[in-house]
Protein backbone atom coordinates (compact mmCIF):
# COMPACT_ATOMS: atom_id res chain seq x y z
CA UNK A 1 -11.20 15.57 -13.04
CA UNK A 2 -12.76 16.97 -9.84
CA UNK A 3 -10.95 18.64 -7.01
CA UNK A 4 -11.66 19.63 -3.40
CA UNK A 5 -11.77 23.28 -2.40
CA UNK A 6 -8.33 24.71 -3.26
CA UNK A 7 -8.81 27.63 -0.83
CA UNK A 8 -8.48 25.21 2.10
CA UNK A 9 -5.05 23.69 2.77
CA UNK A 10 -5.69 20.09 3.85
CA UNK A 11 -3.89 18.43 6.73
CA UNK A 12 -3.95 14.97 5.04
CA UNK A 13 -4.30 13.66 1.51
CA UNK A 14 -5.99 10.28 1.18
CA UNK A 15 -4.50 8.34 -1.76
CA UNK A 16 -6.41 5.45 -3.27
CA UNK A 17 -5.01 3.38 -6.15
CA UNK A 18 -7.67 1.34 -8.00
CA UNK A 19 -7.90 -1.06 -10.88
CA UNK A 20 -11.34 -2.49 -11.71
CA UNK A 21 -12.57 -1.98 -8.13
CA UNK A 22 -15.55 0.34 -8.68
CA UNK A 23 -17.75 -1.11 -5.90
CA UNK A 24 -14.94 -1.20 -3.35
CA UNK A 25 -13.75 2.27 -4.34
CA UNK A 26 -17.26 3.71 -4.01
CA UNK A 27 -17.57 2.31 -0.49
CA UNK A 28 -14.06 3.62 0.55
CA UNK A 29 -14.68 7.12 -0.83
CA UNK A 30 -18.17 7.37 0.71
CA UNK A 31 -16.59 6.55 4.11
CA UNK A 32 -13.91 9.20 3.63
CA UNK A 33 -16.54 11.75 2.69
CA UNK A 34 -18.16 11.19 6.13
CA UNK A 35 -14.88 11.96 7.90
CA UNK A 36 -14.77 14.49 10.70
CA UNK A 37 -13.08 17.76 9.57
CA UNK A 38 -13.75 16.79 5.94
CA UNK A 39 -12.43 20.22 4.83
CA UNK A 40 -8.99 19.22 6.14
CA UNK A 41 -8.95 16.08 3.99
CA UNK A 42 -7.96 15.96 0.34
CA UNK A 43 -8.98 12.78 -1.54
CA UNK A 44 -7.00 11.68 -4.56
CA UNK A 45 -7.89 8.62 -6.66
CA UNK A 46 -5.63 7.19 -9.35
CA UNK A 47 -7.43 4.84 -11.72
CA UNK A 48 -4.93 2.49 -13.33
CA UNK A 49 -6.77 2.11 -16.63
CA UNK A 50 -9.85 0.32 -15.25
CA UNK A 51 -12.31 -1.25 -17.64
CA UNK A 52 -15.24 -1.28 -15.26
CA UNK A 53 -17.37 1.69 -14.04
CA UNK A 54 -14.59 3.24 -11.99
CA UNK A 55 -14.29 6.36 -14.19
CA UNK A 56 -17.97 7.13 -13.55
CA UNK A 57 -17.22 7.81 -9.88
CA UNK A 58 -15.70 11.13 -10.90
CA UNK A 59 -19.18 12.46 -11.47
CA UNK A 60 -20.60 10.84 -8.35
CA UNK A 61 -18.02 12.32 -5.95
CA UNK A 62 -17.47 15.96 -6.91
CA UNK A 63 -15.13 16.66 -4.04
CA UNK A 64 -12.64 14.04 -5.11
CA UNK A 65 -9.72 14.48 -7.53
CA UNK A 66 -9.60 11.56 -9.91
CA UNK A 67 -6.67 10.92 -12.21
CA UNK A 68 -7.08 8.32 -14.95
CA UNK A 69 -4.06 6.53 -16.39
CA UNK A 70 -4.28 5.00 -19.93
CA UNK A 71 -3.20 1.58 -18.66
CA UNK A 72 -2.03 -0.20 -15.53
CA UNK A 73 1.56 0.85 -14.99
CA UNK A 74 1.64 -0.67 -11.51
CA UNK A 75 0.78 0.69 -8.11
CA UNK A 76 4.13 2.42 -7.50
CA UNK A 77 3.97 4.78 -10.44
CA UNK A 78 0.39 5.68 -9.50
CA UNK A 79 1.47 6.33 -5.93
CA UNK A 80 4.13 8.76 -7.10
CA UNK A 81 1.67 10.62 -9.37
CA UNK A 82 -0.65 11.08 -6.44
CA UNK A 83 2.11 11.91 -3.93
CA UNK A 84 3.53 14.66 -6.10
CA UNK A 85 0.06 16.10 -6.57
CA UNK A 86 -0.89 15.93 -2.85
CA UNK A 87 -1.21 19.27 -1.15
CA UNK A 88 -1.16 18.07 2.46
CA UNK A 89 1.78 17.42 4.83
CA UNK A 90 0.48 13.91 5.63
CA UNK A 91 -0.26 11.17 3.11
CA UNK A 92 -3.00 8.67 3.98
CA UNK A 93 -2.31 5.57 1.88
CA UNK A 94 -5.61 3.69 1.75
CA UNK A 95 -6.71 0.51 0.01
CA UNK A 96 -10.10 0.56 -1.71
CA UNK A 97 -10.86 -2.49 0.46
CA UNK A 98 -10.71 -0.40 3.65
CA UNK A 99 -13.62 1.60 5.09
CA UNK A 100 -12.64 4.23 7.61
CA UNK A 101 -14.76 5.37 10.53
CA UNK A 102 -15.68 9.05 10.68
CA UNK A 103 -12.99 9.73 13.26
CA UNK A 104 -10.25 7.52 11.84
CA UNK A 105 -8.28 10.10 9.85
CA UNK A 106 -8.69 12.95 12.37
CA UNK A 107 -7.45 10.81 15.23
CA UNK A 108 -4.49 9.51 13.25
CA UNK A 109 -3.52 13.13 12.37
CA UNK A 110 -3.66 14.00 16.09
CA UNK A 111 -1.34 11.16 16.97
CA UNK A 112 1.20 11.95 14.26
CA UNK A 113 1.10 15.67 15.17
CA UNK A 114 1.90 14.77 18.79
CA UNK A 115 4.79 12.42 17.95
CA UNK A 116 7.57 14.17 15.96
CA UNK A 117 9.81 11.10 16.18
CA UNK A 118 7.21 8.90 14.52
CA UNK A 119 7.09 8.74 10.73
CA UNK A 120 3.86 6.87 10.21
CA UNK A 121 0.81 5.72 12.11
CA UNK A 122 -1.98 3.29 11.32
CA UNK A 123 -5.29 2.16 12.77
CA UNK A 124 -6.22 -1.33 13.87
CA UNK A 125 -8.04 -3.09 11.09
CA UNK A 126 -11.21 -4.92 11.98
CA UNK A 127 -13.50 -7.16 9.92
CA UNK A 128 -17.07 -6.44 8.98
CA UNK A 129 -18.26 -7.70 12.33
CA UNK A 130 -15.92 -5.41 14.24
CA UNK A 131 -13.55 -8.17 15.30
CA UNK A 132 -9.88 -7.08 15.21
CA UNK A 133 -7.80 -8.41 12.36
CA UNK A 134 -4.78 -8.66 14.61
CA UNK A 135 -2.19 -9.06 11.92
CA UNK A 136 0.81 -7.29 10.48
CA UNK A 137 3.24 -8.40 7.85
CA UNK A 138 6.59 -10.00 8.58
CA UNK A 139 9.44 -7.55 8.21
CA UNK A 140 10.81 -7.90 4.65
CA UNK A 141 14.26 -9.37 5.24
CA UNK A 142 16.08 -12.23 3.59
CA UNK A 143 14.43 -14.90 5.74
CA UNK A 144 10.85 -13.72 5.37
CA UNK A 145 11.07 -12.95 1.65
CA UNK A 146 12.03 -16.57 0.96
CA UNK A 147 8.29 -17.27 1.35
CA UNK A 148 7.49 -15.50 -1.96
CA UNK A 149 9.90 -17.40 -4.24
CA UNK A 150 6.98 -19.47 -5.55
CA UNK A 151 4.92 -16.38 -6.29
CA UNK A 152 2.96 -16.25 -3.04
CA UNK A 153 2.57 -13.29 -0.68
CA UNK A 154 4.54 -12.44 2.44
CA UNK A 155 3.01 -14.15 5.41
CA UNK A 156 0.97 -12.21 7.95
CA UNK A 157 1.74 -12.68 11.63
CA UNK A 158 -0.57 -12.16 14.62
CA UNK A 159 -0.20 -9.23 16.95
CA UNK A 160 -0.15 -10.32 20.61
CA UNK A 161 -3.49 -9.93 22.41
CA UNK A 162 -1.94 -7.79 25.13
CA UNK A 163 -0.68 -5.35 22.52
CA UNK A 164 -4.25 -4.67 21.50
CA UNK A 165 -4.92 -3.36 25.03
CA UNK A 166 -2.13 -0.80 24.68
CA UNK A 167 -2.69 2.78 23.58
CA UNK A 168 -0.11 2.33 20.86
CA UNK A 169 1.99 -0.52 19.53
CA UNK A 170 5.12 -0.33 17.40
CA UNK A 171 5.01 -2.23 14.11
CA UNK A 172 7.68 -2.71 11.47
CA UNK A 173 5.68 -3.39 8.33
CA UNK A 174 1.91 -2.69 8.40
CA UNK A 175 1.55 -2.52 4.63
CA UNK A 176 -0.38 0.23 2.89
CA UNK A 177 -3.97 -0.80 3.60
CA UNK A 178 -4.33 2.23 5.88
CA UNK A 179 -1.19 4.17 6.66
CA UNK A 180 -0.76 7.84 7.53
CA UNK A 181 2.85 8.89 6.67
CA UNK A 182 4.72 12.21 6.63
CA UNK A 183 5.01 13.47 3.06
CA UNK A 184 8.39 15.07 3.77
CA UNK A 185 9.85 11.67 4.56
CA UNK A 186 8.59 10.21 1.31
CA UNK A 187 9.90 13.23 -0.60
CA UNK A 188 13.22 12.94 1.23
CA UNK A 189 13.68 9.35 -0.01
CA UNK A 190 13.01 10.68 -3.57
CA UNK A 191 9.46 9.29 -3.52
CA UNK A 192 8.61 5.66 -4.10
CA UNK A 193 11.09 3.57 -6.10
CA UNK A 194 9.35 2.83 -9.43
CA UNK A 195 11.54 -0.21 -9.95
CA UNK A 196 8.94 -1.81 -7.75
CA UNK A 197 5.96 -2.06 -10.09
CA UNK A 198 2.96 -3.56 -8.31
CA UNK A 199 4.52 -4.82 -5.11
CA UNK A 200 7.04 -3.89 -2.37
CA UNK A 201 7.03 -0.10 -2.54
CA UNK A 202 5.50 -0.12 0.96
CA UNK A 203 8.13 -2.66 2.11
CA UNK A 204 10.87 -0.35 0.80
CA UNK A 205 9.28 2.48 2.79
CA UNK A 206 9.16 0.37 5.95
CA UNK A 207 12.85 -0.55 5.62
CA UNK A 208 13.89 3.06 5.08
CA UNK A 209 11.87 4.18 8.12
CA UNK A 210 13.65 1.61 10.26
CA UNK A 211 17.07 2.46 8.87
CA UNK A 212 16.47 6.15 9.63
CA UNK A 213 15.84 5.22 13.26
CA UNK A 214 12.23 6.29 13.00
CA UNK A 215 9.08 4.41 14.02
CA UNK A 216 5.71 3.24 12.73
CA UNK A 217 3.00 2.97 15.35
CA UNK A 218 -0.41 1.30 15.39
CA UNK A 219 -3.17 2.68 17.61
CA UNK A 220 -5.54 -0.18 18.52
CA UNK A 221 -8.19 2.30 19.74
CA UNK A 222 -8.47 3.81 16.23
CA UNK A 223 -10.32 1.49 13.89
CA UNK A 224 -10.95 0.96 10.19
CA UNK A 225 -12.83 -1.88 8.56
CA UNK A 226 -10.92 -4.10 6.16
CA UNK A 227 -13.09 -5.96 3.72
CA UNK A 228 -10.37 -8.43 2.81
CA UNK A 229 -10.84 -9.82 -0.75
CA UNK A 230 -10.84 -13.55 -1.14
CA UNK A 231 -7.77 -15.05 -2.73
CA UNK A 232 -5.48 -12.00 -2.38
CA UNK A 233 -2.55 -13.63 -4.14
CA UNK A 234 -3.01 -13.26 -7.91
CA UNK A 235 -2.60 -16.46 -9.95
CA UNK A 236 -1.69 -14.45 -13.04
CA UNK A 237 1.92 -15.30 -14.01
CA UNK A 238 2.75 -11.64 -14.67
CA UNK A 239 1.72 -10.63 -11.20
CA UNK A 240 3.51 -13.61 -9.70
CA UNK A 241 6.62 -12.77 -11.62
CA UNK A 242 6.40 -9.11 -10.58
CA UNK A 243 6.09 -10.11 -6.93
CA UNK A 244 9.19 -12.30 -7.13
CA UNK A 245 11.31 -9.89 -9.21
CA UNK A 246 10.30 -7.08 -6.97
CA UNK A 247 11.38 -9.03 -3.95
CA UNK A 248 14.70 -9.73 -5.63
CA UNK A 249 15.07 -6.00 -6.30
CA UNK A 250 14.29 -5.25 -2.67
CA UNK A 251 16.97 -7.67 -1.49
CA UNK A 252 19.54 -6.29 -3.91
CA UNK A 253 18.78 -2.73 -2.81
CA UNK A 254 19.00 -3.34 0.93
CA UNK A 255 21.05 -6.52 1.38
CA UNK A 256 23.40 -6.61 -1.57
CA UNK A 257 23.46 -7.71 -5.19
CA UNK A 258 24.25 -11.34 -4.41
CA UNK A 259 21.17 -11.58 -2.17
CA UNK A 260 18.91 -10.45 -4.97
CA UNK A 261 20.66 -12.54 -7.64
CA UNK A 262 20.50 -15.78 -5.63
CA UNK A 263 16.82 -15.13 -4.79
CA UNK A 264 15.87 -14.76 -8.47
CA UNK A 265 17.95 -17.82 -9.43
CA UNK A 266 16.30 -19.93 -6.73
CA UNK A 267 12.84 -18.72 -7.88
CA UNK A 268 13.65 -19.71 -11.46
CA UNK A 269 14.89 -23.16 -10.38
CA UNK A 270 11.87 -23.66 -8.12
CA UNK A 271 9.43 -22.84 -10.97
CA UNK A 272 11.21 -25.27 -13.25
CA UNK A 273 11.24 -28.02 -10.65
CA UNK A 274 7.48 -27.58 -10.09
CA UNK A 275 6.90 -27.58 -13.85
CA UNK A 276 5.35 -24.13 -13.43
CA UNK A 277 6.31 -23.13 -16.97
CA UNK A 278 4.10 -19.94 -17.17
CA UNK A 279 5.92 -18.53 -14.11
CA UNK A 280 9.31 -19.73 -15.32
CA UNK A 281 8.80 -18.01 -18.69
CA UNK A 282 7.65 -14.78 -17.06
CA UNK A 283 10.60 -14.76 -14.66
CA UNK A 284 13.16 -15.58 -17.42
CA UNK A 285 11.71 -12.77 -19.58
CA UNK A 286 11.65 -10.33 -16.67
CA UNK A 287 7.94 -9.64 -17.10
CA UNK A 288 6.43 -7.10 -14.71
CA UNK A 289 3.08 -5.41 -14.24
CA UNK A 290 2.95 -2.41 -16.58
CA UNK A 291 6.05 -3.37 -18.58
CA UNK A 292 6.17 -3.43 -22.34
CA UNK A 293 7.01 -7.17 -21.97
CA UNK A 294 3.30 -7.80 -21.28
């Protein structure tokens, strides 16, 4: 395990959760290392039991704290391990698929510092050619979550072109690809709910921010490059089951038990109707990423 200079109190802690993503993680960390005011940035990596060369990055990046878990318990548990370890007041949740610019983190910190009524801020994601990826996720309510009953992902929606010309733009659910959030808010909600294994912890956060009357803002002038992986929705029945069961849990938590129960029942019926027996079996057994049921 390597750590940044403990004598310097960082302003932000970058948290990267990885599983068999050595190449992507190397690119993401290298970009963070080039950040302005690097001494104000703590970088924490949680390796979820990778079987590739991810553990070797601990020797390559001596200023990074790397924590290795014995197996993949799911993203949410890893997030909590990193969050409780983080020394900074701001948490920068970052996907290994995102490459920040040298000024990305510093500018986001400035914006959050200047907006006490804002809980989280994010950059505009662009593709490798610099073209804006003008998308955000639909807000995770009962209507939008109906899209994931078959095991798919929540649909992305475009951001209006005129919004990209604004200094800042309010968003409801940007995901966790690149999100700077106040640690005291996460601690105040008793950290991330580990009933969400691989999916929906960020959706739970977005709902709680909205319920608290707080805001999430995107700054189109601040950029980060998203190297979106092909085929983001996993075809593995355990992951598909986890996504559905997690969505049911999210509905039960925020919209009532019956909402979650009917969602799960409809997902089971749908899998059976489609003769998707691997998914049906996983759902019926309650299989989740990181569970003993695997």
